Amino acid sequence: MAEIVIGIDLGTTNSVVATVQGGTPTIIPNRAGYRITPSVVAMARNGKRLVGALARRQAVTNAERTVVAVKRVMGRRWSSKALQEVLPRMPYTIVAGPHDDIRIALGDVQYSPPEISAMVLTELRLDAEAFLGEPVSKAVITCPAYFNDSQRNATKDAGRIAGLDVIRIINEPTSAALAYGFGRAQQEKQVAVFDLGGGTFDFTVLHMFKGVFEVEATGGDSLLGGEDFDARIIDWLAEPFLAKHGIDLRKDKMALQRLRDAAEKAKCELSSLKNVEINLPFISATQRSGPLHLQTSLTRELLETMTEELVDRCLKVCERVMAEAKVHPGALGDVLLVGGQTRMPRIQAAVKNLFGRDPSKNVNPDEAVALGAAIQGSMLLHEDSEMLLLDVTPHSLGIAIAGGFF
């Protein structure tokens, strides 16, 4: 019996698991029948642990004990500037751990970020076992190309806690390129992967030739993603409410979770519509005026104006990486869009403008990364594989010498 390896895209917002069956990479649906599992963990009032869609559904009524976007705090130090930026946006409680690390308080128990991620991974492993009908122990897990060593180790730890033998951590854009190149391995081309997910942004240039995938340059921003687009909408909703009623909804955990949900929903709808209504009845109350409602409408144009700076940050990373790889935008064979946030028309237009061509529609932005991880797992098991992957480290490697020099 051939050993089974699963590929896991452990995302900020959603996670996906896949495997290679009979030579074909396949997405494994979860036990509820969906192909995507929300990366959400919650502790219900009765002490029961909820993961995925069940946890997400009760997030508003149980905001303080529902953990979303834990990937943003993976492997970060309590004293780091990046963490302090993220803290006010989280509806749950994050506290300092014993070694300048962080802990997430759920009820009376404190968990480390890898332990929370492990709960999501355990759920995915159980889904895979239910689908395949046998135990699964080996996995390839993806992480953003720009994750540093401590973030990668935290991801590995999460896999170990979930009972998985993590045979490889692979960069998400590279993984998506593997899914794209599957079955096209004999063509020679240079491809770029523009990966904008829920919490992170990566841009990678690869060269594909005769089954060899060589990464030429990679870059990114591990604090730039769909969450930041949502945050702009949250502020846009909360500021006028604060000015009018003197109440900051972002300080109320339940209201903040409702704002987060409404912002994400509005953003997604504006990918296909020009205008959406946002209606949040009973969002707050005062003794004097009784219940307060929030009702407004948001246009696609306004959303694009609000998030212009975020789109520019993405494009700056692309330009930097292409300069490093000495690649001209016009020389690329294909530009792949990966990650749910790339469905935003403004992003697609910006990519088209930068590269002078329409982005490729050959990969599913939500599923490509997990499929690529499954392909990589299959390659590691079968030595005679026709595909080879040569990746790069996104950060400088060096030795510290006397005087603190690098």
Foldseek 3Di string as FASTA:
>chain_A
DAAWEKEKELAQFKIWIWAQDPNRIDTQAFPVRHRIFTLKWFQDPVRDIDGTPVLLVCCLVRVQGMDGRLLQQALHFLPDPSVVVCVLLGLYDKDQDDPRHIWTDHPPDTHHSLCSSLVHVLSNQVSVCVRVVHHHAEYEYEDALQDDDSNVVSPCSSSVVSRHNHPYYHHQQLLLVLLLCVVVQADWFKEWEFEAAAAWTKIWIWTGHQQETETLFMDIGRGAHNQVLLVLQLCVQQVVVCVVPVDRLSVPSSLSSVSSVQSSVLQVVLLPDFKDKRWAWQSDADPVPGGDIGIDMDGLVVSCVSCVVSLVVSVVRVVVRCVSSVHQLQRGPAYAYAYPNCSRPVNQVVSCVRNVHGHDPSGDNDCSSRSSRNVVVVCVSDVPDSHHYHYDRNDDDDDQDPPRDD
